[in-house]
C-alpha atoms as a PDB file:
ATOM      1  CA  MET A   1       0.000   0.000   0.000  1.00  0.00           C
ATOM      2  CA  ASN A   2       1.149   3.492  -0.824  1.00  0.00           C
ATOM      3  CA  GLU A   3      -0.006   5.626   2.115  1.00  0.00           C
ATOM      4  CA  ASN A   4      -0.166   8.754  -0.069  1.00  0.00           C
ATOM      5  CA  CYS A   5      -2.345   7.100  -2.723  1.00  0.00           C
ATOM      6  CA  LEU A   6      -6.069   7.855  -2.661  1.00  0.00           C
ATOM      7  CA  PHE A   7      -7.008   4.533  -4.300  1.00  0.00           C
ATOM      8  CA  CYS A   8      -4.773   2.515  -1.945  1.00  0.00           C
ATOM      9  CA  ARG A   9      -6.565   4.163   0.966  1.00  0.00           C
ATOM     10  CA  ILE A  10      -9.967   3.368  -0.594  1.00  0.00           C
ATOM     11  CA  ALA A  11      -8.903  -0.262  -1.137  1.00  0.00           C
ATOM     12  CA  ALA A  12      -7.775  -0.466   2.502  1.00  0.00           C
ATOM     13  CA  GLY A  13     -11.163   0.834   3.673  1.00  0.00           C
ATOM     14  CA  GLU A  14      -9.699   4.042   5.120  1.00  0.00           C
ATOM     15  CA  ILE A  15     -11.808   6.159   2.782  1.00  0.00           C
ATOM     16  CA  PRO A  16     -15.436   5.150   2.167  1.00  0.00           C
ATOM     17  CA  SER A  17     -16.592   4.186  -1.312  1.00  0.00           C
ATOM     18  CA  SER A  18     -19.668   2.760  -2.964  1.00  0.00           C
ATOM     19  CA  ARG A  19     -18.320  -0.709  -3.712  1.00  0.00           C
ATOM     20  CA  VAL A  20     -19.706  -2.646  -6.654  1.00  0.00           C
ATOM     21  CA  TYR A  21     -17.297  -5.613  -6.682  1.00  0.00           C
ATOM     22  CA  GLU A  22     -14.479  -6.856  -4.493  1.00  0.00           C
ATOM     23  CA  ASP A  23     -12.235  -9.875  -4.273  1.00  0.00           C
ATOM     24  CA  GLU A  24      -8.743 -10.523  -2.885  1.00  0.00           C
ATOM     25  CA  THR A  25      -6.939  -8.563  -5.618  1.00  0.00           C
ATOM     26  CA  VAL A  26      -9.401  -6.123  -7.230  1.00  0.00           C
ATOM     27  CA  LEU A  27     -11.905  -3.513  -6.087  1.00  0.00           C
ATOM     28  CA  ALA A  28     -14.600  -1.779  -8.160  1.00  0.00           C
ATOM     29  CA  PHE A  29     -16.438   1.277  -6.860  1.00  0.00           C
ATOM     30  CA  ARG A  30     -18.602   4.098  -8.195  1.00  0.00           C
ATOM     31  CA  ASP A  31     -16.811   7.241  -9.375  1.00  0.00           C
ATOM     32  CA  ILE A  32     -17.628  10.274  -7.207  1.00  0.00           C
ATOM     33  CA  ALA A  33     -17.800  12.518 -10.315  1.00  0.00           C
ATOM     34  CA  PRO A  34     -19.533  10.267 -12.865  1.00  0.00           C
ATOM     35  CA  GLN A  35     -19.168  11.041 -16.563  1.00  0.00           C
ATOM     36  CA  ALA A  36     -22.004   8.647 -17.544  1.00  0.00           C
ATOM     37  CA  PRO A  37     -25.064   7.161 -15.809  1.00  0.00           C
ATOM     38  CA  VAL A  38     -22.854   4.175 -14.936  1.00  0.00           C
ATOM     39  CA  HIS A  39     -19.275   5.095 -14.051  1.00  0.00           C
ATOM     40  CA  VAL A  40     -17.359   2.520 -12.037  1.00  0.00           C
ATOM     41  CA  LEU A  41     -13.622   2.460 -11.341  1.00  0.00           C
ATOM     42  CA  VAL A  42     -11.863  -0.912 -11.269  1.00  0.00           C
ATOM     43  CA  ILE A  43      -8.511  -0.937  -9.453  1.00  0.00           C
ATOM     44  CA  PRO A  44      -5.939  -3.497  -8.361  1.00  0.00           C
ATOM     45  CA  LYS A  45      -5.593  -3.511  -4.584  1.00  0.00           C
ATOM     46  CA  THR A  46      -1.828  -3.632  -5.073  1.00  0.00           C
ATOM     47  CA  HIS A  47      -0.341  -0.239  -5.868  1.00  0.00           C
ATOM     48  CA  ILE A  48       0.719  -0.016  -9.507  1.00  0.00           C
ATOM     49  CA  SER A  49       1.071   3.608 -10.584  1.00  0.00           C
ATOM     50  CA  GLY A  50       0.081   2.974 -14.205  1.00  0.00           C
ATOM     51  CA  TRP A  51       0.427   0.657 -17.188  1.00  0.00           C
ATOM     52  CA  SER A  52       4.106   1.515 -17.659  1.00  0.00           C
ATOM     53  CA  ALA A  53       4.851   0.458 -14.084  1.00  0.00           C
ATOM     54  CA  ALA A  54       3.307  -3.005 -14.504  1.00  0.00           C
ATOM     55  CA  LYS A  55       5.736  -5.929 -14.511  1.00  0.00           C
ATOM     56  CA  ASP A  56       5.605  -9.409 -16.024  1.00  0.00           C
ATOM     57  CA  ALA A  57       4.624 -10.690 -12.585  1.00  0.00           C
ATOM     58  CA  ASP A  58       1.464  -8.544 -12.799  1.00  0.00           C
ATOM     59  CA  ASP A  59       0.132 -10.211 -15.977  1.00  0.00           C
ATOM     60  CA  ALA A  60      -2.465 -12.381 -14.217  1.00  0.00           C
ATOM     61  CA  LEU A  61      -3.663  -9.407 -12.145  1.00  0.00           C
ATOM     62  CA  LEU A  62      -3.989  -7.216 -15.243  1.00  0.00           C
ATOM     63  CA  ALA A  63      -5.999  -9.882 -17.070  1.00  0.00           C
ATOM     64  CA  HIS A  64      -8.228 -10.251 -14.014  1.00  0.00           C
ATOM     65  CA  LEU A  65      -8.728  -6.470 -13.908  1.00  0.00           C
ATOM     66  CA  VAL A  66     -10.081  -6.535 -17.468  1.00  0.00           C
ATOM     67  CA  ARG A  67     -12.334  -9.509 -16.730  1.00  0.00           C
ATOM     68  CA  VAL A  68     -13.722  -7.736 -13.667  1.00  0.00           C
ATOM     69  CA  ALA A  69     -14.495  -4.683 -15.819  1.00  0.00           C
ATOM     70  CA  ALA A  70     -16.654  -6.921 -18.033  1.00  0.00           C
ATOM     71  CA  GLU A  71     -18.287  -8.488 -14.965  1.00  0.00           C
ATOM     72  CA  VAL A  72     -19.072  -5.020 -13.581  1.00  0.00           C
ATOM     73  CA  ALA A  73     -20.688  -4.055 -16.902  1.00  0.00           C
ATOM     74  CA  GLU A  74     -22.865  -7.170 -16.715  1.00  0.00           C
ATOM     75  CA  LYS A  75     -23.757  -6.549 -13.069  1.00  0.00           C
ATOM     76  CA  GLU A  76     -24.620  -2.898 -13.790  1.00  0.00           C
ATOM     77  CA  GLY A  77     -26.902  -3.880 -16.690  1.00  0.00           C
ATOM     78  CA  ILE A  78     -24.913  -2.185 -19.469  1.00  0.00           C
ATOM     79  CA  ALA A  79     -23.227  -5.185 -21.105  1.00  0.00           C
ATOM     80  CA  ALA A  80     -25.970  -5.828 -23.672  1.00  0.00           C
ATOM     81  CA  SER A  81     -26.354  -2.217 -24.806  1.00  0.00           C
ATOM     82  CA  GLY A  82     -22.630  -1.473 -24.792  1.00  0.00           C
ATOM     83  CA  TYR A  83     -20.094   0.162 -22.557  1.00  0.00           C
ATOM     84  CA  ARG A  84     -16.682   1.761 -22.673  1.00  0.00           C
ATOM     85  CA  VAL A  85     -13.558   0.809 -20.722  1.00  0.00           C
ATOM     86  CA  VAL A  86     -11.055   3.661 -20.467  1.00  0.00           C
ATOM     87  CA  SER A  87      -7.670   3.931 -18.788  1.00  0.00           C
ATOM     88  CA  ASN A  88      -5.811   7.235 -18.665  1.00  0.00           C
ATOM     89  CA  CYS A  89      -2.039   6.860 -18.478  1.00  0.00           C
ATOM     90  CA  GLY A  90      -0.040   9.822 -17.220  1.00  0.00           C
ATOM     91  CA  PRO A  91      -0.709  13.533 -16.806  1.00  0.00           C
ATOM     92  CA  ASP A  92      -1.113  14.318 -20.518  1.00  0.00           C
ATOM     93  CA  ALA A  93      -3.903  11.726 -20.654  1.00  0.00           C
ATOM     94  CA  GLN A  94      -5.558  13.282 -17.581  1.00  0.00           C
ATOM     95  CA  GLN A  95      -4.679  10.487 -15.134  1.00  0.00           C
ATOM     96  CA  THR A  96      -5.442  12.320 -11.904  1.00  0.00           C
ATOM     97  CA  VAL A  97      -4.762   9.486  -9.460  1.00  0.00           C
ATOM     98  CA  PRO A  98      -1.417   7.728 -10.022  1.00  0.00           C
ATOM     99  CA  HIS A  99      -2.817   4.249  -9.390  1.00  0.00           C
ATOM    100  CA  LEU A 100      -3.693   2.002 -12.328  1.00  0.00           C
ATOM    101  CA  HIS A 101      -7.446   1.958 -12.873  1.00  0.00           C
ATOM    102  CA  LEU A 102     -10.101   1.281 -15.458  1.00  0.00           C
ATOM    103  CA  HIS A 103     -13.201   3.402 -15.950  1.00  0.00           C
ATOM    104  CA  VAL A 104     -16.285   1.362 -16.901  1.00  0.00           C
ATOM    105  CA  LEU A 105     -18.747   3.791 -18.487  1.00  0.00           C
ATOM    106  CA  GLY A 106     -22.205   3.175 -19.895  1.00  0.00           C
ATOM    107  CA  GLY A 107     -25.914   3.614 -19.562  1.00  0.00           C
ATOM    108  CA  THR A 108     -26.050   6.112 -22.429  1.00  0.00           C
ATOM    109  CA  GLU A 109     -24.904   6.364 -26.013  1.00  0.00           C
ATOM    110  CA  MET A 110     -21.250   7.356 -25.954  1.00  0.00           C
ATOM    111  CA  LYS A 111     -20.019  10.219 -28.131  1.00  0.00           C
ATOM    112  CA  GLU A 112     -17.078   9.760 -30.488  1.00  0.00           C
ATOM    113  CA  GLN A 113     -14.788  12.209 -28.672  1.00  0.00           C
ATOM    114  CA  MET A 114     -14.160   9.688 -25.894  1.00  0.00           C
ATOM    115  CA  ALA A 115     -12.938   6.986 -28.308  1.00  0.00           C
END
């Protein structure tokens, strides 16, 4: 755990969140500033600052993260109509929390600009 990381503190239960999914390695919770009717963040509980910081040893965790994103979409009722999975990497991409995470967005027709 990185004590200065917001998402590490959420994963540890130090900061409350609206949890949608949780297992030993991954947590999914509702975004506090949603950009779509459904906006859930999926994070590894282990601190990885971003995709570039992931190691070969993280491969199984990264695959699980993607599978959980699909499971969250199903659970939230947006899998059939379609959803978007987004990951911002670094400041130029607007990654505001330096902890690897996926945004699962849906519940409305997505505009092209977010592609």
